[in-house]
Amino acid sequence: MKDRRRFLAPRDLWDAGTIEAWLEEKAAQGWILEKWGISARFERIDPCRCRVRLDPKDRRNRQQQAEAETLYRDMGWRWNGTLWFYDVYYCFDPTAPDLYTDPETQAWAWGKLLKRALWRSGLSGLLLLLWAALQFDGLWSGHAVQLFLMGMWAIWLFVILYVVREVWEAVRTVWGIRRLKRRLAAGVPMERGDPARAVRRQRIRQIADWTAIALLAGWILVIACGREEMPLSDAPEPLPCVALEALDPEAAGPELDIARYETFDGLLIQSRRVTQFRWQPSVSVQAELDRVALVSFAEALYRERVGAFLDAWPNAEVRELTDGRFDQAVVIGAGKNQLFTARLGRMVLTERAETDTDLMDHLDGFAAVLAEFQ
């Protein structure tokens, strides 16, 4: 028979009375607390009735802590470790006095705990908000719509739900300690809830937490498996773009430094990307063909692509196109750096080119690409 065992424990640390009742039930079943960590670890003892008290930890040095433990031991109370911001004491003598016989002194101890809880909650909240802001840095990257469509929406949703949950737990903790302090100051004994109900509530939380983590991990795996990259020579025909060979045959003649084909298949977007690039003489084409789930997503993606190019080239010439083959289309030029972006229904075609060729001369080719993949 094992001498040690772990149990799922109540985690509402502001509900000290319920945790005390749960620890007393465990002692009656033959288990005494040994260590409180991710789970509560217990050591086997002879089943017995006892009292358990959670004493708010004070800012004592080692000598003061030793003196306090000696005093409590003389009163019949045995220190059995710590539980977050509590010291855990057991008493097996039914005639021994309680740790606190004066309600005002007990309320004072909980008042000090309340101040520490407020300080810790404030600091934790600031760190949590900083962490959340770092998760949302993509919103200011100029590619927020694309990141959202490629799967970041699920991660952002997880972050929002996690932050809301942690803030709610911090508020409940502070509110619970404040309520308990007022109750003790009024001379009302500490309330004790149902330990079994508290454990069930914690089990539901734990299942929800692990389910959320598993879903997030699975989603990240789906995103990673949805990507594929290959040399452009291995790409399936037809290509989802007007290639460099068609835009500028002379420039495409020598071997390119980069010729790559990439695909991404996600829940909200299917993307095909072609990259052709050479350092000297400098020439390049970066093309993206995206099919998204909703027309509104395509409109937002179209605006983002145009806005990103104009942010990089604010003085570029913008030529809006009125062409029945496109729902929206624009050609933007800044010298050799040019952009063609068009939307047709739920599809968005974008080509960024660094060539001497005017992209306006290749509208038929762009329209043919959209018609082919429609």
Protein backbone atom coordinates (compact mmCIF):
# COMPACT_ATOMS: atom_id res chain seq x y z
CA MET A 1 0.00 0.00 0.00
CA LYS A 2 1.40 3.40 -0.97
CA ASP A 3 2.48 5.69 1.86
CA ARG A 4 2.10 8.81 -0.27
CA ARG A 5 -0.63 9.92 -2.64
CA ARG A 6 -1.71 12.97 -4.60
CA PHE A 7 -5.23 14.35 -4.54
CA LEU A 8 -7.03 16.96 -6.59
CA ALA A 9 -7.52 19.84 -4.18
CA PRO A 10 -9.79 22.89 -3.99
CA ARG A 11 -8.03 25.92 -5.51
CA ASP A 12 -10.14 28.86 -4.37
CA LEU A 13 -7.46 30.08 -1.99
CA TRP A 14 -9.68 32.86 -0.66
CA ASP A 15 -12.11 30.17 0.59
CA ALA A 16 -9.86 29.13 3.47
CA GLY A 17 -12.69 27.59 5.51
CA THR A 18 -13.56 25.10 2.76
CA ILE A 19 -9.90 24.12 2.29
CA GLU A 20 -9.57 23.57 6.04
CA ALA A 21 -12.66 21.33 6.00
CA TRP A 22 -11.24 19.35 3.07
CA LEU A 23 -7.90 18.80 4.83
CA GLU A 24 -9.77 17.62 7.95
CA GLU A 25 -11.73 15.14 5.83
CA LYS A 26 -8.48 13.80 4.39
CA ALA A 27 -7.05 13.34 7.91
CA ALA A 28 -10.19 11.40 8.87
CA GLN A 29 -9.51 9.17 5.83
CA GLY A 30 -5.89 8.63 6.94
CA TRP A 31 -4.00 11.28 4.93
CA ILE A 32 -2.09 14.32 6.14
CA LEU A 33 -0.73 17.08 3.92
CA GLU A 34 2.95 16.74 3.06
CA LYS A 35 3.37 19.25 0.22
CA TRP A 36 1.13 21.56 -1.76
CA GLY A 37 2.29 22.17 -5.32
CA ILE A 38 0.66 21.59 -8.68
CA SER A 39 -1.29 18.92 -6.83
CA ALA A 40 -1.61 18.21 -3.11
CA ARG A 41 0.67 15.41 -1.90
CA PHE A 42 -0.34 13.55 1.24
CA GLU A 43 1.35 11.11 3.62
CA ARG A 44 -0.48 8.15 5.11
CA ILE A 45 -1.36 8.30 8.82
CA ASP A 46 -3.79 6.50 11.08
CA PRO A 47 -7.27 7.90 10.42
CA CYS A 48 -8.13 10.46 13.07
CA ARG A 49 -10.18 13.53 13.79
CA CYS A 50 -8.29 16.79 13.88
CA ARG A 51 -8.55 20.51 13.32
CA VAL A 52 -6.78 22.32 10.49
CA ARG A 53 -6.16 26.03 10.29
CA LEU A 54 -4.74 28.15 7.48
CA ASP A 55 -2.77 30.98 9.03
CA PRO A 56 -1.99 33.95 6.76
CA LYS A 57 1.77 34.10 6.34
CA ASP A 58 3.41 37.13 7.89
CA ARG A 59 6.67 38.79 6.85
CA ARG A 60 8.76 37.07 9.52
CA ASN A 61 12.45 36.32 9.47
CA ARG A 62 13.68 32.83 10.32
CA GLN A 63 13.99 33.54 14.00
CA GLN A 64 10.52 35.04 14.23
CA GLN A 65 9.07 32.13 12.27
CA ALA A 66 10.77 29.63 14.57
CA GLU A 67 9.43 31.46 17.64
CA ALA A 68 5.91 31.48 16.17
CA GLU A 69 6.08 27.75 15.43
CA THR A 70 7.31 27.07 18.95
CA LEU A 71 4.42 29.08 20.38
CA TYR A 72 1.89 27.28 18.23
CA ARG A 73 3.45 23.91 19.06
CA ASP A 74 3.14 24.67 22.77
CA MET A 75 -0.54 25.40 22.11
CA GLY A 76 -0.88 21.96 20.48
CA TRP A 77 -0.62 22.97 16.82
CA ARG A 78 1.78 21.32 14.37
CA TRP A 79 3.10 23.20 11.34
CA ASN A 80 2.72 21.11 8.18
CA GLY A 81 4.00 23.27 5.34
CA THR A 82 2.76 26.18 3.30
CA LEU A 83 -0.09 26.67 0.85
CA TRP A 84 0.54 29.76 -1.27
CA PHE A 85 0.21 32.61 1.24
CA TYR A 86 -0.87 30.41 4.18
CA ASP A 87 0.91 28.32 6.78
CA VAL A 88 -0.92 25.04 7.38
CA TYR A 89 -1.34 23.89 10.99
CA TYR A 90 -2.81 20.63 12.32
CA CYS A 91 -4.08 20.03 15.85
CA PHE A 92 -4.88 16.51 17.08
CA ASP A 93 -5.78 17.58 20.64
CA PRO A 94 -9.49 18.42 20.91
CA THR A 95 -8.87 20.33 24.16
CA ALA A 96 -6.18 22.64 22.73
CA PRO A 97 -7.14 26.29 22.22
CA ASP A 98 -7.66 27.59 18.71
CA LEU A 99 -4.92 29.51 16.93
CA TYR A 100 -6.99 32.67 17.16
CA THR A 101 -9.23 33.22 20.16
CA ASP A 102 -9.60 36.94 19.49
CA PRO A 103 -11.62 37.83 16.36
CA GLU A 104 -9.97 41.25 16.12
CA THR A 105 -6.49 39.70 15.99
CA GLN A 106 -7.62 37.22 13.35
CA ALA A 107 -9.20 40.02 11.28
CA TRP A 108 -5.96 42.00 11.57
CA ALA A 109 -3.99 39.05 10.17
CA TRP A 110 -6.40 38.73 7.25
CA GLY A 111 -6.18 42.48 6.68
CA LYS A 112 -2.42 42.18 6.16
CA LEU A 113 -3.07 39.28 3.79
CA LEU A 114 -5.53 41.44 1.86
CA LYS A 115 -2.89 44.13 1.32
CA ARG A 116 -0.41 41.55 0.02
CA ALA A 117 -3.07 40.02 -2.23
CA LEU A 118 -3.86 43.45 -3.69
CA TRP A 119 -0.17 44.13 -4.33
CA ARG A 120 0.41 40.72 -5.90
CA SER A 121 -2.73 40.96 -8.02
CA GLY A 122 -1.70 44.39 -9.29
CA LEU A 123 1.80 43.21 -10.19
CA SER A 124 0.50 40.00 -11.77
CA GLY A 125 -2.04 42.02 -13.73
CA LEU A 126 0.62 44.31 -15.15
CA LEU A 127 2.81 41.37 -16.18
CA LEU A 128 -0.22 39.61 -17.67
CA LEU A 129 -1.17 42.67 -19.72
CA LEU A 130 2.43 43.03 -20.92
CA TRP A 131 2.48 39.38 -21.99
CA ALA A 132 -0.87 39.76 -23.74
CA ALA A 133 0.35 42.88 -25.57
CA LEU A 134 3.34 40.92 -26.87
CA GLN A 135 0.98 38.25 -28.24
CA PHE A 136 -0.91 40.93 -30.17
CA ASP A 137 2.14 42.71 -31.62
CA GLY A 138 1.15 41.38 -35.05
CA LEU A 139 -1.80 43.78 -35.04
CA TRP A 140 0.65 46.63 -35.61
CA SER A 141 2.81 44.83 -38.17
CA GLY A 142 0.79 45.94 -41.19
CA HIS A 143 -0.24 42.30 -41.81
CA ALA A 144 -2.92 41.84 -39.16
CA VAL A 145 -5.58 40.63 -41.60
CA GLN A 146 -3.26 38.05 -43.15
CA LEU A 147 -2.11 36.83 -39.73
CA PHE A 148 -5.72 36.56 -38.59
CA LEU A 149 -6.70 34.54 -41.67
CA MET A 150 -3.67 32.24 -41.39
CA GLY A 151 -4.69 31.06 -37.94
CA MET A 152 -3.62 33.66 -35.41
CA TRP A 153 -7.28 34.30 -34.63
CA ALA A 154 -7.36 31.12 -32.54
CA ILE A 155 -4.23 32.08 -30.61
CA TRP A 156 -5.52 35.61 -30.01
CA LEU A 157 -8.83 34.18 -28.80
CA PHE A 158 -6.98 31.87 -26.40
CA VAL A 159 -4.97 34.81 -25.04
CA ILE A 160 -8.12 36.90 -24.53
CA LEU A 161 -9.94 34.09 -22.72
CA TYR A 162 -6.86 33.34 -20.58
CA VAL A 163 -6.42 36.98 -19.58
CA VAL A 164 -10.13 37.36 -18.76
CA ARG A 165 -10.03 34.20 -16.67
CA GLU A 166 -6.90 35.25 -14.74
CA VAL A 167 -8.26 38.74 -14.08
CA TRP A 168 -11.53 37.23 -12.88
CA GLU A 169 -9.68 34.84 -10.54
CA ALA A 170 -7.63 37.75 -9.13
CA VAL A 171 -10.78 39.79 -8.52
CA ARG A 172 -12.48 36.81 -6.84
CA THR A 173 -9.43 36.26 -4.61
CA VAL A 174 -9.24 39.89 -3.47
CA TRP A 175 -13.01 40.08 -3.02
CA GLY A 176 -13.09 36.80 -1.08
CA ILE A 177 -10.29 37.85 1.30
CA ARG A 178 -11.91 41.26 1.82
CA ARG A 179 -15.26 39.60 2.57
CA LEU A 180 -13.63 37.16 5.00
CA LYS A 181 -11.80 39.98 6.78
CA ARG A 182 -15.05 41.90 7.29
CA ARG A 183 -16.79 38.76 8.50
CA LEU A 184 -14.08 38.06 11.08
CA ALA A 185 -13.97 41.70 12.18
CA ALA A 186 -17.71 41.46 12.88
CA GLY A 187 -17.09 38.43 15.08
CA VAL A 188 -18.70 35.97 12.66
CA PRO A 189 -16.85 32.62 12.38
CA MET A 190 -15.21 31.65 9.12
CA GLU A 191 -17.68 30.11 6.69
CA ARG A 192 -17.06 26.57 5.47
CA GLY A 193 -18.39 25.35 2.16
CA ASP A 194 -18.82 21.83 0.81
CA PRO A 195 -15.34 20.32 0.13
CA ALA A 196 -16.70 17.78 -2.36
CA ARG A 197 -18.36 20.54 -4.38
CA ALA A 198 -15.14 22.57 -4.33
CA VAL A 199 -13.17 19.58 -5.63
CA ARG A 200 -15.72 18.99 -8.40
CA ARG A 201 -15.47 22.64 -9.38
CA GLN A 202 -11.70 22.35 -9.55
CA ARG A 203 -11.94 19.17 -11.64
CA ILE A 204 -14.16 20.98 -14.15
CA ARG A 205 -11.62 23.82 -14.32
CA GLN A 206 -8.77 21.40 -14.81
CA ILE A 207 -10.59 19.55 -17.60
CA ALA A 208 -11.40 22.88 -19.27
CA ASP A 209 -7.79 24.05 -18.97
CA TRP A 210 -6.29 20.89 -20.45
CA THR A 211 -8.91 20.82 -23.19
CA ALA A 212 -8.06 24.40 -24.15
CA ILE A 213 -4.33 23.63 -24.13
CA ALA A 214 -4.86 20.50 -26.25
CA LEU A 215 -7.00 22.42 -28.75
CA LEU A 216 -4.41 25.19 -28.98
CA ALA A 217 -1.56 22.70 -29.46
CA GLY A 218 -3.60 20.86 -32.08
CA TRP A 219 -4.36 24.10 -33.88
CA ILE A 220 -0.68 25.09 -33.96
CA LEU A 221 0.10 21.63 -35.38
CA VAL A 222 -2.59 22.09 -38.05
CA ILE A 223 -1.08 25.46 -39.01
CA ALA A 224 2.40 23.95 -39.22
CA CYS A 225 1.20 20.98 -41.30
CA GLY A 226 -0.75 23.27 -43.62
CA ARG A 227 2.45 24.79 -45.01
CA GLU A 228 4.47 23.39 -47.87
CA GLU A 229 7.47 24.75 -49.76
CA MET A 230 9.21 23.56 -52.91
CA PRO A 231 11.44 24.81 -55.76
CA LEU A 232 9.47 26.72 -58.34
CA SER A 233 10.49 24.14 -60.95
CA ASP A 234 8.49 21.50 -59.02
CA ALA A 235 5.38 23.66 -58.67
CA PRO A 236 2.17 22.43 -60.30
CA GLU A 237 0.95 24.15 -63.43
CA PRO A 238 -0.50 26.64 -64.01
CA LEU A 239 1.30 29.06 -61.70
CA PRO A 240 -0.95 31.36 -59.65
CA CYS A 241 0.72 34.49 -61.02
CA VAL A 242 2.15 36.23 -64.03
CA ALA A 243 5.71 34.95 -63.75
CA LEU A 244 8.86 36.96 -64.31
CA GLU A 245 9.40 35.21 -67.63
CA ALA A 246 6.17 36.81 -68.89
CA LEU A 247 6.68 40.20 -67.25
CA ASP A 248 10.26 40.72 -68.35
CA PRO A 249 11.72 37.87 -70.46
CA GLU A 250 15.13 39.54 -70.79
CA ALA A 251 15.54 40.00 -67.05
CA ALA A 252 14.43 36.43 -66.36
CA GLY A 253 17.06 34.97 -68.68
CA PRO A 254 19.98 34.35 -66.25
CA GLU A 255 19.57 31.90 -63.41
CA LEU A 256 17.67 33.33 -60.42
CA ASP A 257 19.06 33.35 -56.88
CA ILE A 258 15.64 32.42 -55.46
CA ALA A 259 12.81 30.62 -57.24
CA ARG A 260 10.37 29.27 -54.63
CA TYR A 261 6.76 28.09 -54.47
CA GLU A 262 4.84 28.01 -51.16
CA THR A 263 1.35 26.86 -50.23
CA PHE A 264 -0.77 27.25 -47.12
CA ASP A 265 -4.17 25.63 -46.56
CA GLY A 266 -6.01 26.84 -43.50
CA LEU A 267 -9.54 27.11 -42.20
CA LEU A 268 -10.09 30.67 -43.44
CA ILE A 269 -7.58 30.98 -46.27
CA GLN A 270 -5.89 29.00 -49.03
CA SER A 271 -2.75 30.75 -50.16
CA ARG A 272 -0.28 30.21 -53.01
CA ARG A 273 2.92 32.23 -53.11
CA VAL A 274 5.61 32.53 -55.81
CA THR A 275 8.97 34.22 -55.21
CA GLN A 276 11.46 34.94 -57.99
CA PHE A 277 14.53 37.01 -57.13
CA ARG A 278 18.01 37.82 -58.35
CA TRP A 279 20.57 40.12 -56.71
CA GLN A 280 22.49 41.39 -59.76
CA PRO A 281 21.03 42.89 -61.78
CA SER A 282 18.29 43.41 -59.22
CA VAL A 283 14.96 41.98 -60.34
CA SER A 284 12.15 40.26 -58.41
CA VAL A 285 8.54 39.14 -58.39
CA GLN A 286 6.60 38.26 -55.25
CA ALA A 287 3.10 37.00 -56.03
CA GLU A 288 0.34 35.82 -53.71
CA LEU A 289 -3.00 34.34 -54.68
CA ASP A 290 -5.39 33.93 -51.76
CA ARG A 291 -8.85 32.41 -51.57
CA VAL A 292 -10.57 33.34 -48.30
CA ALA A 293 -13.73 32.18 -46.57
CA LEU A 294 -15.77 35.39 -46.88
CA VAL A 295 -15.95 38.30 -49.30
CA SER A 296 -15.52 40.70 -46.37
CA PHE A 297 -12.20 38.99 -45.55
CA ALA A 298 -11.11 39.43 -49.19
CA GLU A 299 -11.99 43.12 -49.09
CA ALA A 300 -10.01 43.61 -45.86
CA LEU A 301 -7.03 41.69 -47.26
CA TYR A 302 -7.12 43.78 -50.45
CA ARG A 303 -7.07 47.03 -48.45
CA GLU A 304 -4.23 45.75 -46.27
CA ARG A 305 -2.04 44.85 -49.26
CA VAL A 306 -2.56 48.28 -50.83
CA GLY A 307 -1.98 50.05 -47.51
CA ALA A 308 1.23 48.13 -46.78
CA PHE A 309 2.76 49.12 -50.13
CA LEU A 310 1.77 52.77 -49.70
CA ASP A 311 3.27 52.79 -46.21
CA ALA A 312 6.59 51.73 -47.77
CA TRP A 313 6.25 54.04 -50.80
CA PRO A 314 4.05 56.98 -49.70
CA ASN A 315 4.79 59.01 -52.85
CA ALA A 316 3.95 56.22 -55.28
CA GLU A 317 1.58 56.78 -58.19
CA VAL A 318 -1.79 55.08 -57.62
CA ARG A 319 -3.90 54.05 -60.61
CA GLU A 320 -7.33 52.68 -59.70
CA LEU A 321 -8.70 50.38 -62.42
CA THR A 322 -12.23 50.16 -63.70
CA ASP A 323 -12.30 46.77 -65.34
CA GLY A 324 -15.20 44.34 -65.43
CA ARG A 325 -12.83 41.42 -64.99
CA PHE A 326 -12.04 42.57 -61.41
CA ASP A 327 -14.23 43.63 -58.51
CA GLN A 328 -11.41 45.84 -57.30
CA ALA A 329 -7.99 46.46 -58.85
CA VAL A 330 -5.13 48.93 -58.57
CA VAL A 331 -1.63 49.40 -59.99
CA ILE A 332 0.80 51.38 -57.84
CA GLY A 333 4.21 52.42 -59.08
CA ALA A 334 7.28 53.88 -57.41
CA GLY A 335 9.93 53.70 -60.13
CA LYS A 336 10.91 50.08 -60.69
CA ASN A 337 8.95 49.03 -57.58
CA GLN A 338 5.39 48.22 -58.58
CA LEU A 339 2.32 46.58 -57.11
CA PHE A 340 -0.71 45.04 -58.75
CA THR A 341 -3.56 43.99 -56.46
CA ALA A 342 -6.96 42.79 -57.57
CA ARG A 343 -9.97 41.17 -55.92
CA LEU A 344 -12.51 38.95 -57.61
CA GLY A 345 -15.13 37.63 -55.21
CA ARG A 346 -13.30 35.81 -52.42
CA MET A 347 -9.96 35.79 -54.25
CA VAL A 348 -7.15 38.33 -53.97
CA LEU A 349 -4.18 38.40 -56.35
CA THR A 350 -1.15 40.48 -55.39
CA GLU A 351 2.09 40.88 -57.36
CA ARG A 352 5.00 43.02 -56.23
CA ALA A 353 7.55 43.46 -58.98
CA GLU A 354 10.89 45.16 -59.32
CA THR A 355 11.29 45.42 -63.09
CA ASP A 356 11.34 48.02 -65.85
CA THR A 357 8.08 46.64 -67.25
CA ASP A 358 4.84 48.50 -66.56
CA LEU A 359 2.36 46.13 -64.87
CA MET A 360 -0.47 47.93 -66.67
CA ASP A 361 0.67 46.08 -69.80
CA HIS A 362 -0.15 42.70 -68.22
CA LEU A 363 -3.75 43.13 -67.05
CA ASP A 364 -4.87 40.35 -69.40
CA GLY A 365 -2.42 37.97 -67.72
CA PHE A 366 -3.63 38.91 -64.22
CA ALA A 367 -7.25 38.49 -65.26
CA ALA A 368 -6.45 35.08 -66.75
CA VAL A 369 -4.88 33.95 -63.44
CA LEU A 370 -7.98 34.93 -61.45
CA ALA A 371 -10.26 33.29 -64.01
CA GLU A 372 -8.18 30.08 -63.93
CA PHE A 373 -8.29 29.71 -60.15
CA GLN A 374 -11.82 31.05 -59.62
